[in-house]
Amino acid sequence: MLNGMHHVAIICSDYARSKVFYTEILGLSVIAENYRQQRQSYKCDLALPDGTQLELFSFVDAPARPSRPEAQGLRHLAFSVDNLDEVINRLKQKEIEVEAIRIDPYTGKRFTFFADPDGLPLELYEQ
């Protein structure tokens, strides 16, 4: 019935800052970017190498996330990586704080967390 994840949508507090973060720091590529005049809102479709997409939105006066990360709803986004150490080093070079590496007790795989400009928890999970 379901084939996979098509996209995840994120509402940003500062669209330009988030676009730089997801494109220049995380390396996602822009598929399309549109300004929706009637909503005074940007919508930017970004692509990951596997075809999954991330949508960035800006909305006037969008409320802040209630808590991190245990609010109901989306808890975090997890990105798969081939080499966790390389990605962590790249993020640290861009002055992004990254938590200590953890080991998944069920799979034995390494993972860690960092945050986007709005504090949305992002996970890196080594394959």
PDB file of N, CA and C in Angstrom:
ATOM      1  N   MET A   1       0.821  -1.194   0.000  1.00  0.00           N
ATOM      2  CA  MET A   1       0.000   0.000   0.000  1.00  0.00           C
ATOM      3  C   MET A   1       0.866   1.260   0.000  1.00  0.00           C
ATOM      4  N   LEU A   2       1.769   1.423   0.963  1.00  0.00           N
ATOM      5  CA  LEU A   2       2.655   2.587   1.000  1.00  0.00           C
ATOM      6  C   LEU A   2       3.994   2.215   0.381  1.00  0.00           C
ATOM      7  N   ASN A   3       4.564   3.140  -0.382  1.00  0.00           N
ATOM      8  CA  ASN A   3       5.833   2.869  -1.057  1.00  0.00           C
ATOM      9  C   ASN A   3       7.043   3.459  -0.365  1.00  0.00           C
ATOM     10  N   GLY A   4       6.843   4.414   0.520  1.00  0.00           N
ATOM     11  CA  GLY A   4       7.965   5.071   1.173  1.00  0.00           C
ATOM     12  C   GLY A   4       7.562   6.472   1.585  1.00  0.00           C
ATOM     13  N   MET A   5       8.509   7.210   2.092  1.00  0.00           N
ATOM     14  CA  MET A   5       8.259   8.589   2.520  1.00  0.00           C
ATOM     15  C   MET A   5       8.506   9.506   1.327  1.00  0.00           C
ATOM     16  N   HIS A   6       7.534  10.341   0.985  1.00  0.00           N
ATOM     17  CA  HIS A   6       7.713  11.296  -0.109  1.00  0.00           C
ATOM     18  C   HIS A   6       8.356  12.582   0.389  1.00  0.00           C
ATOM     19  N   HIS A   7       7.765  13.182   1.432  1.00  0.00           N
ATOM     20  CA  HIS A   7       8.341  14.427   1.957  1.00  0.00           C
ATOM     21  C   HIS A   7       7.939  14.647   3.407  1.00  0.00           C
ATOM     22  N   VAL A   8       8.679  15.544   4.038  1.00  0.00           N
ATOM     23  CA  VAL A   8       8.389  16.038   5.377  1.00  0.00           C
ATOM     24  C   VAL A   8       8.333  17.552   5.254  1.00  0.00           C
ATOM     25  N   ALA A   9       7.364  18.180   5.902  1.00  0.00           N
ATOM     26  CA  ALA A   9       7.200  19.633   5.823  1.00  0.00           C
ATOM     27  C   ALA A   9       7.598  20.286   7.149  1.00  0.00           C
ATOM     28  N   ILE A  10       8.327  21.396   7.035  1.00  0.00           N
ATOM     29  CA  ILE A  10       8.789  22.139   8.201  1.00  0.00           C
ATOM     30  C   ILE A  10       8.385  23.597   8.051  1.00  0.00           C
ATOM     31  N   ILE A  11       7.797  24.162   9.100  1.00  0.00           N
ATOM     32  CA  ILE A  11       7.483  25.589   9.123  1.00  0.00           C
ATOM     33  C   ILE A  11       8.614  26.285   9.868  1.00  0.00           C
ATOM     34  N   CYS A  12       9.263  27.249   9.229  1.00  0.00           N
ATOM     35  CA  CYS A  12      10.445  27.929   9.777  1.00  0.00           C
ATOM     36  C   CYS A  12      10.070  29.288  10.355  1.00  0.00           C
ATOM     37  N   SER A  13      10.815  29.706  11.355  1.00  0.00           N
ATOM     38  CA  SER A  13      10.610  31.056  11.893  1.00  0.00           C
ATOM     39  C   SER A  13      11.330  32.091  11.041  1.00  0.00           C
ATOM     40  N   ASP A  14      12.434  31.703  10.413  1.00  0.00           N
ATOM     41  CA  ASP A  14      13.220  32.590   9.551  1.00  0.00           C
ATOM     42  C   ASP A  14      13.549  31.790   8.290  1.00  0.00           C
ATOM     43  N   TYR A  15      12.754  32.007   7.264  1.00  0.00           N
ATOM     44  CA  TYR A  15      12.857  31.210   6.041  1.00  0.00           C
ATOM     45  C   TYR A  15      14.265  31.250   5.437  1.00  0.00           C
ATOM     46  N   ALA A  16      14.830  32.437   5.300  1.00  0.00           N
ATOM     47  CA  ALA A  16      16.152  32.573   4.667  1.00  0.00           C
ATOM     48  C   ALA A  16      17.218  31.818   5.455  1.00  0.00           C
ATOM     49  N   ARG A  17      17.187  31.934   6.767  1.00  0.00           N
ATOM     50  CA  ARG A  17      18.160  31.243   7.618  1.00  0.00           C
ATOM     51  C   ARG A  17      18.014  29.727   7.480  1.00  0.00           C
ATOM     52  N   SER A  18      16.783  29.235   7.489  1.00  0.00           N
ATOM     53  CA  SER A  18      16.558  27.792   7.368  1.00  0.00           C
ATOM     54  C   SER A  18      16.939  27.279   5.993  1.00  0.00           C
ATOM     55  N   LYS A  19      16.679  28.060   4.952  1.00  0.00           N
ATOM     56  CA  LYS A  19      17.060  27.645   3.597  1.00  0.00           C
ATOM     57  C   LYS A  19      18.582  27.492   3.505  1.00  0.00           C
ATOM     58  N   VAL A  20      19.329  28.440   4.056  1.00  0.00           N
ATOM     59  CA  VAL A  20      20.788  28.342   4.070  1.00  0.00           C
ATOM     60  C   VAL A  20      21.221  27.096   4.847  1.00  0.00           C
ATOM     61  N   PHE A  21      20.614  26.842   5.993  1.00  0.00           N
ATOM     62  CA  PHE A  21      20.968  25.693   6.820  1.00  0.00           C
ATOM     63  C   PHE A  21      20.773  24.383   6.048  1.00  0.00           C
ATOM     64  N   TYR A  22      19.598  24.194   5.451  1.00  0.00           N
ATOM     65  CA  TYR A  22      19.295  22.928   4.792  1.00  0.00           C
ATOM     66  C   TYR A  22      20.015  22.765   3.451  1.00  0.00           C
ATOM     67  N   THR A  23      20.326  23.872   2.763  1.00  0.00           N
ATOM     68  CA  THR A  23      21.013  23.746   1.477  1.00  0.00           C
ATOM     69  C   THR A  23      22.524  23.834   1.620  1.00  0.00           C
ATOM     70  N   GLU A  24      23.025  24.878   2.265  1.00  0.00           N
ATOM     71  CA  GLU A  24      24.470  25.097   2.318  1.00  0.00           C
ATOM     72  C   GLU A  24      25.172  24.269   3.399  1.00  0.00           C
ATOM     73  N   ILE A  25      24.498  23.996   4.506  1.00  0.00           N
ATOM     74  CA  ILE A  25      25.133  23.220   5.574  1.00  0.00           C
ATOM     75  C   ILE A  25      24.839  21.726   5.421  1.00  0.00           C
ATOM     76  N   LEU A  26      23.566  21.370   5.193  1.00  0.00           N
ATOM     77  CA  LEU A  26      23.228  19.949   5.066  1.00  0.00           C
ATOM     78  C   LEU A  26      23.320  19.434   3.635  1.00  0.00           C
ATOM     79  N   GLY A  27      23.391  20.327   2.645  1.00  0.00           N
ATOM     80  CA  GLY A  27      23.626  19.915   1.268  1.00  0.00           C
ATOM     81  C   GLY A  27      22.423  19.459   0.476  1.00  0.00           C
ATOM     82  N   LEU A  28      21.202  19.758   0.924  1.00  0.00           N
ATOM     83  CA  LEU A  28      20.030  19.408   0.136  1.00  0.00           C
ATOM     84  C   LEU A  28      19.938  20.353  -1.060  1.00  0.00           C
ATOM     85  N   SER A  29      19.355  19.885  -2.160  1.00  0.00           N
ATOM     86  CA  SER A  29      19.257  20.724  -3.353  1.00  0.00           C
ATOM     87  C   SER A  29      17.826  21.217  -3.539  1.00  0.00           C
ATOM     88  N   VAL A  30      17.709  22.424  -4.077  1.00  0.00           N
ATOM     89  CA  VAL A  30      16.400  23.045  -4.305  1.00  0.00           C
ATOM     90  C   VAL A  30      15.776  22.453  -5.566  1.00  0.00           C
ATOM     91  N   ILE A  31      14.564  21.937  -5.421  1.00  0.00           N
ATOM     92  CA  ILE A  31      13.781  21.445  -6.558  1.00  0.00           C
ATOM     93  C   ILE A  31      12.950  22.598  -7.112  1.00  0.00           C
ATOM     94  N   ALA A  32      12.272  23.293  -6.215  1.00  0.00           N
ATOM     95  CA  ALA A  32      11.415  24.422  -6.602  1.00  0.00           C
ATOM     96  C   ALA A  32      11.266  25.349  -5.406  1.00  0.00           C
ATOM     97  N   GLU A  33      11.118  26.628  -5.689  1.00  0.00           N
ATOM     98  CA  GLU A  33      10.904  27.623  -4.645  1.00  0.00           C
ATOM     99  C   GLU A  33       9.835  28.585  -5.145  1.00  0.00           C
ATOM    100  N   ASN A  34       8.810  28.789  -4.314  1.00  0.00           N
ATOM    101  CA  ASN A  34       7.703  29.655  -4.713  1.00  0.00           C
ATOM    102  C   ASN A  34       7.289  30.565  -3.576  1.00  0.00           C
ATOM    103  N   TYR A  35       6.950  31.794  -3.939  1.00  0.00           N
ATOM    104  CA  TYR A  35       6.357  32.717  -2.969  1.00  0.00           C
ATOM    105  C   TYR A  35       4.867  32.743  -3.242  1.00  0.00           C
ATOM    106  N   ARG A  36       4.084  32.472  -2.206  1.00  0.00           N
ATOM    107  CA  ARG A  36       2.618  32.428  -2.339  1.00  0.00           C
ATOM    108  C   ARG A  36       2.060  33.726  -1.764  1.00  0.00           C
ATOM    109  N   GLN A  37       1.798  34.675  -2.636  1.00  0.00           N
ATOM    110  CA  GLN A  37       1.378  36.021  -2.251  1.00  0.00           C
ATOM    111  C   GLN A  37       0.151  35.999  -1.333  1.00  0.00           C
ATOM    112  N   GLN A  38      -0.859  35.202  -1.668  1.00  0.00           N
ATOM    113  CA  GLN A  38      -2.097  35.177  -0.886  1.00  0.00           C
ATOM    114  C   GLN A  38      -1.871  34.759   0.564  1.00  0.00           C
ATOM    115  N   ARG A  39      -0.804  34.006   0.827  1.00  0.00           N
ATOM    116  CA  ARG A  39      -0.489  33.555   2.190  1.00  0.00           C
ATOM    117  C   ARG A  39       0.716  34.279   2.779  1.00  0.00           C
ATOM    118  N   GLN A  40       1.356  35.138   1.984  1.00  0.00           N
ATOM    119  CA  GLN A  40       2.605  35.786   2.385  1.00  0.00           C
ATOM    120  C   GLN A  40       3.581  34.728   2.902  1.00  0.00           C
ATOM    121  N   SER A  41       3.727  33.683   2.093  1.00  0.00           N
ATOM    122  CA  SER A  41       4.463  32.495   2.526  1.00  0.00           C
ATOM    123  C   SER A  41       5.341  31.950   1.416  1.00  0.00           C
ATOM    124  N   TYR A  42       6.554  31.546   1.805  1.00  0.00           N
ATOM    125  CA  TYR A  42       7.421  30.819   0.887  1.00  0.00           C
ATOM    126  C   TYR A  42       7.186  29.328   1.055  1.00  0.00           C
ATOM    127  N   LYS A  43       7.381  28.595  -0.049  1.00  0.00           N
ATOM    128  CA  LYS A  43       7.404  27.136  -0.041  1.00  0.00           C
ATOM    129  C   LYS A  43       8.594  26.721  -0.883  1.00  0.00           C
ATOM    130  N   CYS A  44       9.489  25.958  -0.259  1.00  0.00           N
ATOM    131  CA  CYS A  44      10.697  25.515  -0.954  1.00  0.00           C
ATOM    132  C   CYS A  44      10.777  23.998  -0.857  1.00  0.00           C
ATOM    133  N   ASP A  45      10.834  23.337  -2.000  1.00  0.00           N
ATOM    134  CA  ASP A  45      10.975  21.883  -2.049  1.00  0.00           C
ATOM    135  C   ASP A  45      12.450  21.545  -2.190  1.00  0.00           C
ATOM    136  N   LEU A  46      12.949  20.728  -1.264  1.00  0.00           N
ATOM    137  CA  LEU A  46      14.352  20.334  -1.243  1.00  0.00           C
ATOM    138  C   LEU A  46      14.460  18.827  -1.438  1.00  0.00           C
ATOM    139  N   ALA A  47      15.547  18.376  -2.073  1.00  0.00           N
ATOM    140  CA  ALA A  47      15.717  16.951  -2.362  1.00  0.00           C
ATOM    141  C   ALA A  47      16.914  16.373  -1.616  1.00  0.00           C
ATOM    142  N   LEU A  48      16.726  15.166  -1.113  1.00  0.00           N
ATOM    143  CA  LEU A  48      17.823  14.353  -0.594  1.00  0.00           C
ATOM    144  C   LEU A  48      18.242  13.398  -1.710  1.00  0.00           C
ATOM    145  N   PRO A  49      19.445  12.835  -1.640  1.00  0.00           N
ATOM    146  CA  PRO A  49      19.926  11.962  -2.714  1.00  0.00           C
ATOM    147  C   PRO A  49      19.026  10.759  -3.022  1.00  0.00           C
ATOM    148  N   ASP A  50      18.284  10.253  -2.028  1.00  0.00           N
ATOM    149  CA  ASP A  50      17.442   9.076  -2.273  1.00  0.00           C
ATOM    150  C   ASP A  50      16.080   9.427  -2.866  1.00  0.00           C
ATOM    151  N   GLY A  51      15.831  10.712  -3.133  1.00  0.00           N
ATOM    152  CA  GLY A  51      14.556  11.133  -3.712  1.00  0.00           C
ATOM    153  C   GLY A  51      13.557  11.654  -2.701  1.00  0.00           C
ATOM    154  N   THR A  52      13.806  11.422  -1.417  1.00  0.00           N
ATOM    155  CA  THR A  52      12.938  11.965  -0.378  1.00  0.00           C
ATOM    156  C   THR A  52      13.033  13.484  -0.420  1.00  0.00           C
ATOM    157  N   GLN A  53      11.924  14.153  -0.115  1.00  0.00           N
ATOM    158  CA  GLN A  53      11.905  15.605  -0.162  1.00  0.00           C
ATOM    159  C   GLN A  53      11.597  16.204   1.202  1.00  0.00           C
ATOM    160  N   LEU A  54      12.102  17.415   1.389  1.00  0.00           N
ATOM    161  CA  LEU A  54      11.824  18.211   2.576  1.00  0.00           C
ATOM    162  C   LEU A  54      11.213  19.514   2.075  1.00  0.00           C
ATOM    163  N   GLU A  55      10.094  19.915   2.650  1.00  0.00           N
ATOM    164  CA  GLU A  55       9.458  21.178   2.282  1.00  0.00           C
ATOM    165  C   GLU A  55       9.678  22.187   3.393  1.00  0.00           C
ATOM    166  N   LEU A  56      10.163  23.369   3.034  1.00  0.00           N
ATOM    167  CA  LEU A  56      10.294  24.468   3.985  1.00  0.00           C
ATOM    168  C   LEU A  56       9.183  25.469   3.710  1.00  0.00           C
ATOM    169  N   PHE A  57       8.503  25.878   4.764  1.00  0.00           N
ATOM    170  CA  PHE A  57       7.442  26.872   4.660  1.00  0.00           C
ATOM    171  C   PHE A  57       7.735  28.034   5.591  1.00  0.00           C
ATOM    172  N   SER A  58       7.279  29.207   5.211  1.00  0.00           N
ATOM    173  CA  SER A  58       7.275  30.356   6.120  1.00  0.00           C
ATOM    174  C   SER A  58       5.827  30.807   6.231  1.00  0.00           C
ATOM    175  N   PHE A  59       5.370  31.032   7.436  1.00  0.00           N
ATOM    176  CA  PHE A  59       4.028  31.551   7.678  1.00  0.00           C
ATOM    177  C   PHE A  59       4.132  32.707   8.654  1.00  0.00           C
ATOM    178  N   VAL A  60       3.396  33.749   8.410  1.00  0.00           N
ATOM    179  CA  VAL A  60       3.390  34.910   9.297  1.00  0.00           C
ATOM    180  C   VAL A  60       2.844  34.486  10.659  1.00  0.00           C
ATOM    181  N   ASP A  61       3.571  34.808  11.732  1.00  0.00           N
ATOM    182  CA  ASP A  61       3.138  34.563  13.113  1.00  0.00           C
ATOM    183  C   ASP A  61       2.854  33.098  13.436  1.00  0.00           C
ATOM    184  N   ALA A  62       3.614  32.185  12.856  1.00  0.00           N
ATOM    185  CA  ALA A  62       3.436  30.770  13.208  1.00  0.00           C
ATOM    186  C   ALA A  62       3.866  30.573  14.663  1.00  0.00           C
ATOM    187  N   PRO A  63       3.103  29.818  15.463  1.00  0.00           N
ATOM    188  CA  PRO A  63       3.477  29.613  16.866  1.00  0.00           C
ATOM    189  C   PRO A  63       4.731  28.753  16.992  1.00  0.00           C
ATOM    190  N   ALA A  64       5.461  28.947  18.080  1.00  0.00           N
ATOM    191  CA  ALA A  64       6.668  28.160  18.351  1.00  0.00           C
ATOM    192  C   ALA A  64       6.289  26.733  18.730  1.00  0.00           C
ATOM    193  N   ARG A  65       7.238  25.814  18.566  1.00  0.00           N
ATOM    194  CA  ARG A  65       7.051  24.423  18.985  1.00  0.00           C
ATOM    195  C   ARG A  65       6.894  24.406  20.506  1.00  0.00           C
ATOM    196  N   PRO A  66       5.921  23.643  21.034  1.00  0.00           N
ATOM    197  CA  PRO A  66       5.649  23.667  22.477  1.00  0.00           C
ATOM    198  C   PRO A  66       6.786  23.179  23.361  1.00  0.00           C
ATOM    199  N   SER A  67       7.488  22.119  22.967  1.00  0.00           N
ATOM    200  CA  SER A  67       8.600  21.618  23.774  1.00  0.00           C
ATOM    201  C   SER A  67       9.492  20.748  22.913  1.00  0.00           C
ATOM    202  N   ARG A  68      10.662  20.446  23.430  1.00  0.00           N
ATOM    203  CA  ARG A  68      11.604  19.652  22.670  1.00  0.00           C
ATOM    204  C   ARG A  68      12.020  18.444  23.477  1.00  0.00           C
ATOM    205  N   PRO A  69      12.023  17.257  22.984  1.00  0.00           N
ATOM    206  CA  PRO A  69      11.345  16.810  21.777  1.00  0.00           C
ATOM    207  C   PRO A  69      10.064  16.055  22.092  1.00  0.00           C
ATOM    208  N   GLU A  70       9.565  16.170  23.303  1.00  0.00           N
ATOM    209  CA  GLU A  70       8.488  15.282  23.735  1.00  0.00           C
ATOM    210  C   GLU A  70       7.074  15.799  23.525  1.00  0.00           C
ATOM    211  N   ALA A  71       6.883  16.858  22.733  1.00  0.00           N
ATOM    212  CA  ALA A  71       5.533  17.313  22.417  1.00  0.00           C
ATOM    213  C   ALA A  71       4.864  16.266  21.526  1.00  0.00           C
ATOM    214  N   GLN A  72       3.550  16.200  21.574  1.00  0.00           N
ATOM    215  CA  GLN A  72       2.849  15.278  20.692  1.00  0.00           C
ATOM    216  C   GLN A  72       3.104  15.679  19.251  1.00  0.00           C
ATOM    217  N   GLY A  73       3.117  14.707  18.371  1.00  0.00           N
ATOM    218  CA  GLY A  73       3.382  14.980  16.968  1.00  0.00           C
ATOM    219  C   GLY A  73       4.797  14.578  16.612  1.00  0.00           C
ATOM    220  N   LEU A  74       5.365  15.233  15.622  1.00  0.00           N
ATOM    221  CA  LEU A  74       6.699  14.901  15.146  1.00  0.00           C
ATOM    222  C   LEU A  74       7.727  15.038  16.260  1.00  0.00           C
ATOM    223  N   ARG A  75       8.502  13.996  16.492  1.00  0.00           N
ATOM    224  CA  ARG A  75       9.522  14.033  17.537  1.00  0.00           C
ATOM    225  C   ARG A  75      10.856  14.524  16.979  1.00  0.00           C
ATOM    226  N   HIS A  76      11.296  13.953  15.870  1.00  0.00           N
ATOM    227  CA  HIS A  76      12.523  14.397  15.221  1.00  0.00           C
ATOM    228  C   HIS A  76      12.569  13.835  13.806  1.00  0.00           C
ATOM    229  N   LEU A  77      13.488  14.363  12.995  1.00  0.00           N
ATOM    230  CA  LEU A  77      13.750  13.823  11.665  1.00  0.00           C
ATOM    231  C   LEU A  77      15.085  13.094  11.739  1.00  0.00           C
ATOM    232  N   ALA A  78      15.160  11.918  11.147  1.00  0.00           N
ATOM    233  CA  ALA A  78      16.395  11.148  11.156  1.00  0.00           C
ATOM    234  C   ALA A  78      16.898  10.995   9.723  1.00  0.00           C
ATOM    235  N   PHE A  79      18.172  11.351   9.529  1.00  0.00           N
ATOM    236  CA  PHE A  79      18.813  11.223   8.225  1.00  0.00           C
ATOM    237  C   PHE A  79      19.820  10.087   8.288  1.00  0.00           C
ATOM    238  N   SER A  80      19.826   9.217   7.282  1.00  0.00           N
ATOM    239  CA  SER A  80      20.819   8.150   7.238  1.00  0.00           C
ATOM    240  C   SER A  80      22.111   8.698   6.629  1.00  0.00           C
ATOM    241  N   VAL A  81      23.234   8.249   7.169  1.00  0.00           N
ATOM    242  CA  VAL A  81      24.546   8.662   6.673  1.00  0.00           C
ATOM    243  C   VAL A  81      25.441   7.432   6.582  1.00  0.00           C
ATOM    244  N   ASP A  82      26.422   7.493   5.686  1.00  0.00           N
ATOM    245  CA  ASP A  82      27.377   6.393   5.548  1.00  0.00           C
ATOM    246  C   ASP A  82      28.473   6.475   6.599  1.00  0.00           C
ATOM    247  N   ASN A  83      28.933   7.708   6.897  1.00  0.00           N
ATOM    248  CA  ASN A  83      30.035   7.883   7.832  1.00  0.00           C
ATOM    249  C   ASN A  83      29.683   8.978   8.825  1.00  0.00           C
ATOM    250  N   LEU A  84      29.280   8.579  10.005  1.00  0.00           N
ATOM    251  CA  LEU A  84      28.826   9.515  11.022  1.00  0.00           C
ATOM    252  C   LEU A  84      29.913  10.521  11.404  1.00  0.00           C
ATOM    253  N   ASP A  85      31.149  10.047  11.547  1.00  0.00           N
ATOM    254  CA  ASP A  85      32.243  10.930  11.948  1.00  0.00           C
ATOM    255  C   ASP A  85      32.481  12.044  10.934  1.00  0.00           C
ATOM    256  N   GLU A  86      32.429  11.726   9.642  1.00  0.00           N
ATOM    257  CA  GLU A  86      32.622  12.740   8.601  1.00  0.00           C
ATOM    258  C   GLU A  86      31.537  13.817   8.665  1.00  0.00           C
ATOM    259  N   VAL A  87      30.300  13.394   8.832  1.00  0.00           N
ATOM    260  CA  VAL A  87      29.190  14.351   8.869  1.00  0.00           C
ATOM    261  C   VAL A  87      29.287  15.219  10.125  1.00  0.00           C
ATOM    262  N   ILE A  88      29.598  14.617  11.246  1.00  0.00           N
ATOM    263  CA  ILE A  88      29.757  15.384  12.489  1.00  0.00           C
ATOM    264  C   ILE A  88      30.865  16.429  12.328  1.00  0.00           C
ATOM    265  N   ASN A  89      31.986  16.029  11.764  1.00  0.00           N
ATOM    266  CA  ASN A  89      33.091  16.974  11.558  1.00  0.00           C
ATOM    267  C   ASN A  89      32.673  18.127  10.651  1.00  0.00           C
ATOM    268  N   ARG A  90      31.938  17.821   9.600  1.00  0.00           N
ATOM    269  CA  ARG A  90      31.470  18.874   8.693  1.00  0.00           C
ATOM    270  C   ARG A  90      30.544  19.851   9.412  1.00  0.00           C
ATOM    271  N   LEU A  91      29.636  19.315  10.223  1.00  0.00           N
ATOM    272  CA  LEU A  91      28.718  20.181  10.977  1.00  0.00           C
ATOM    273  C   LEU A  91      29.484  21.047  11.976  1.00  0.00           C
ATOM    274  N   LYS A  92      30.428  20.449  12.681  1.00  0.00           N
ATOM    275  CA  LYS A  92      31.208  21.211  13.664  1.00  0.00           C
ATOM    276  C   LYS A  92      32.031  22.309  12.996  1.00  0.00           C
ATOM    277  N   GLN A  93      32.529  22.062  11.784  1.00  0.00           N
ATOM    278  CA  GLN A  93      33.263  23.092  11.043  1.00  0.00           C
ATOM    279  C   GLN A  93      32.357  24.278  10.709  1.00  0.00           C
ATOM    280  N   LYS A  94      31.052  24.020  10.608  1.00  0.00           N
ATOM    281  CA  LYS A  94      30.070  25.075  10.338  1.00  0.00           C
ATOM    282  C   LYS A  94      29.484  25.628  11.643  1.00  0.00           C
ATOM    283  N   GLU A  95      30.126  25.258  12.783  1.00  0.00           N
ATOM    284  CA  GLU A  95      29.731  25.716  14.115  1.00  0.00           C
ATOM    285  C   GLU A  95      28.335  25.250  14.531  1.00  0.00           C
ATOM    286  N   ILE A  96      27.982  24.033  14.120  1.00  0.00           N
ATOM    287  CA  ILE A  96      26.727  23.405  14.531  1.00  0.00           C
ATOM    288  C   ILE A  96      27.045  22.482  15.704  1.00  0.00           C
ATOM    289  N   GLU A  97      26.336  22.657  16.811  1.00  0.00           N
ATOM    290  CA  GLU A  97      26.527  21.778  17.976  1.00  0.00           C
ATOM    291  C   GLU A  97      25.934  20.406  17.697  1.00  0.00           C
ATOM    292  N   VAL A  98      26.698  19.382  18.031  1.00  0.00           N
ATOM    293  CA  VAL A  98      26.264  18.002  17.840  1.00  0.00           C
ATOM    294  C   VAL A  98      26.434  17.272  19.165  1.00  0.00           C
ATOM    295  N   GLU A  99      25.415  16.511  19.550  1.00  0.00           N
ATOM    296  CA  GLU A  99      25.486  15.751  20.796  1.00  0.00           C
ATOM    297  C   GLU A  99      26.498  14.611  20.677  1.00  0.00           C
ATOM    298  N   ALA A 100      26.843  14.024  21.798  1.00  0.00           N
ATOM    299  CA  ALA A 100      27.739  12.872  21.816  1.00  0.00           C
ATOM    300  C   ALA A 100      27.111  11.705  21.047  1.00  0.00           C
ATOM    301  N   ILE A 101      27.952  10.902  20.434  1.00  0.00           N
ATOM    302  CA  ILE A 101      27.476   9.731  19.689  1.00  0.00           C
ATOM    303  C   ILE A 101      26.911   8.715  20.666  1.00  0.00           C
ATOM    304  N   ARG A 102      25.793   8.143  20.287  1.00  0.00           N
ATOM    305  CA  ARG A 102      25.154   7.076  21.074  1.00  0.00           C
ATOM    306  C   ARG A 102      25.138   5.797  20.238  1.00  0.00           C
ATOM    307  N   ILE A 103      24.855   4.698  20.881  1.00  0.00           N
ATOM    308  CA  ILE A 103      24.717   3.404  20.204  1.00  0.00           C
ATOM    309  C   ILE A 103      23.280   2.930  20.401  1.00  0.00           C
ATOM    310  N   ASP A 104      22.616   2.597  19.280  1.00  0.00           N
ATOM    311  CA  ASP A 104      21.254   2.068  19.346  1.00  0.00           C
ATOM    312  C   ASP A 104      21.319   0.689  20.001  1.00  0.00           C
ATOM    313  N   PRO A 105      20.658   0.503  21.158  1.00  0.00           N
ATOM    314  CA  PRO A 105      20.771  -0.773  21.867  1.00  0.00           C
ATOM    315  C   PRO A 105      20.154  -1.956  21.119  1.00  0.00           C
ATOM    316  N   TYR A 106      19.310  -1.677  20.140  1.00  0.00           N
ATOM    317  CA  TYR A 106      18.639  -2.759  19.408  1.00  0.00           C
ATOM    318  C   TYR A 106      19.372  -3.147  18.133  1.00  0.00           C
ATOM    319  N   THR A 107      20.020  -2.168  17.488  1.00  0.00           N
ATOM    320  CA  THR A 107      20.678  -2.454  16.210  1.00  0.00           C
ATOM    321  C   THR A 107      22.200  -2.409  16.305  1.00  0.00           C
ATOM    322  N   GLY A 108      22.726  -1.789  17.368  1.00  0.00           N
ATOM    323  CA  GLY A 108      24.165  -1.617  17.489  1.00  0.00           C
ATOM    324  C   GLY A 108      24.716  -0.498  16.620  1.00  0.00           C
ATOM    325  N   LYS A 109      23.852   0.231  15.930  1.00  0.00           N
ATOM    326  CA  LYS A 109      24.266   1.322  15.039  1.00  0.00           C
ATOM    327  C   LYS A 109      24.523   2.598  15.834  1.00  0.00           C
ATOM    328  N   ARG A 110      25.422   3.441  15.308  1.00  0.00           N
ATOM    329  CA  ARG A 110      25.749   4.720  15.937  1.00  0.00           C
ATOM    330  C   ARG A 110      24.819   5.821  15.438  1.00  0.00           C
ATOM    331  N   PHE A 111      24.480   6.752  16.350  1.00  0.00           N
ATOM    332  CA  PHE A 111      23.636   7.877  15.972  1.00  0.00           C
ATOM    333  C   PHE A 111      23.908   9.058  16.892  1.00  0.00           C
ATOM    334  N   THR A 112      23.447  10.222  16.469  1.00  0.00           N
ATOM    335  CA  THR A 112      23.571  11.425  17.279  1.00  0.00           C
ATOM    336  C   THR A 112      22.485  12.417  16.872  1.00  0.00           C
ATOM    337  N   PHE A 113      22.374  13.494  17.647  1.00  0.00           N
ATOM    338  CA  PHE A 113      21.387  14.527  17.376  1.00  0.00           C
ATOM    339  C   PHE A 113      22.039  15.897  17.265  1.00  0.00           C
ATOM    340  N   PHE A 114      21.394  16.760  16.503  1.00  0.00           N
ATOM    341  CA  PHE A 114      21.720  18.183  16.430  1.00  0.00           C
ATOM    342  C   PHE A 114      20.401  18.883  16.141  1.00  0.00           C
ATOM    343  N   ALA A 115      20.403  20.180  15.929  1.00  0.00           N
ATOM    344  CA  ALA A 115      19.136  20.906  15.747  1.00  0.00           C
ATOM    345  C   ALA A 115      19.228  21.853  14.561  1.00  0.00           C
ATOM    346  N   ASP A 116      18.073  22.112  13.951  1.00  0.00           N
ATOM    347  CA  ASP A 116      18.017  23.104  12.879  1.00  0.00           C
ATOM    348  C   ASP A 116      17.911  24.492  13.506  1.00  0.00           C
ATOM    349  N   PRO A 117      17.861  25.562  12.715  1.00  0.00           N
ATOM    350  CA  PRO A 117      17.840  26.916  13.294  1.00  0.00           C
ATOM    351  C   PRO A 117      16.662  27.197  14.225  1.00  0.00           C
ATOM    352  N   ASP A 118      15.564  26.442  14.095  1.00  0.00           N
ATOM    353  CA  ASP A 118      14.411  26.629  14.980  1.00  0.00           C
ATOM    354  C   ASP A 118      14.400  25.652  16.143  1.00  0.00           C
ATOM    355  N   GLY A 119      15.457  24.881  16.302  1.00  0.00           N
ATOM    356  CA  GLY A 119      15.518  23.930  17.407  1.00  0.00           C
ATOM    357  C   GLY A 119      14.868  22.592  17.116  1.00  0.00           C
ATOM    358  N   LEU A 120      14.447  22.350  15.870  1.00  0.00           N
ATOM    359  CA  LEU A 120      13.860  21.061  15.524  1.00  0.00           C
ATOM    360  C   LEU A 120      14.934  19.987  15.657  1.00  0.00           C
ATOM    361  N   PRO A 121      14.698  18.959  16.461  1.00  0.00           N
ATOM    362  CA  PRO A 121      15.704  17.904  16.626  1.00  0.00           C
ATOM    363  C   PRO A 121      15.915  17.126  15.334  1.00  0.00           C
ATOM    364  N   LEU A 122      17.174  16.997  14.930  1.00  0.00           N
ATOM    365  CA  LEU A 122      17.555  16.230  13.750  1.00  0.00           C
ATOM    366  C   LEU A 122      18.524  15.133  14.188  1.00  0.00           C
ATOM    367  N   GLU A 123      18.329  13.943  13.651  1.00  0.00           N
ATOM    368  CA  GLU A 123      19.173  12.805  14.009  1.00  0.00           C
ATOM    369  C   GLU A 123      20.004  12.383  12.796  1.00  0.00           C
ATOM    370  N   LEU A 124      21.215  11.965  13.053  1.00  0.00           N
ATOM    371  CA  LEU A 124      22.066  11.326  12.047  1.00  0.00           C
ATOM    372  C   LEU A 124      22.209   9.875  12.474  1.00  0.00           C
ATOM    373  N   TYR A 125      21.875   8.952  11.574  1.00  0.00           N
ATOM    374  CA  TYR A 125      21.891   7.523  11.889  1.00  0.00           C
ATOM    375  C   TYR A 125      22.795   6.831  10.892  1.00  0.00           C
ATOM    376  N   GLU A 126      23.880   6.229  11.385  1.00  0.00           N
ATOM    377  CA  GLU A 126      24.871   5.615  10.511  1.00  0.00           C
ATOM    378  C   GLU A 126      24.377   4.268  10.019  1.00  0.00           C
ATOM    379  N   GLN A 127      24.493   4.047   8.730  1.00  0.00           N
ATOM    380  CA  GLN A 127      24.051   2.780   8.118  1.00  0.00           C
ATOM    381  C   GLN A 127      25.103   1.712   8.196  1.00  0.00           C
TER     382      GLN A 127
END
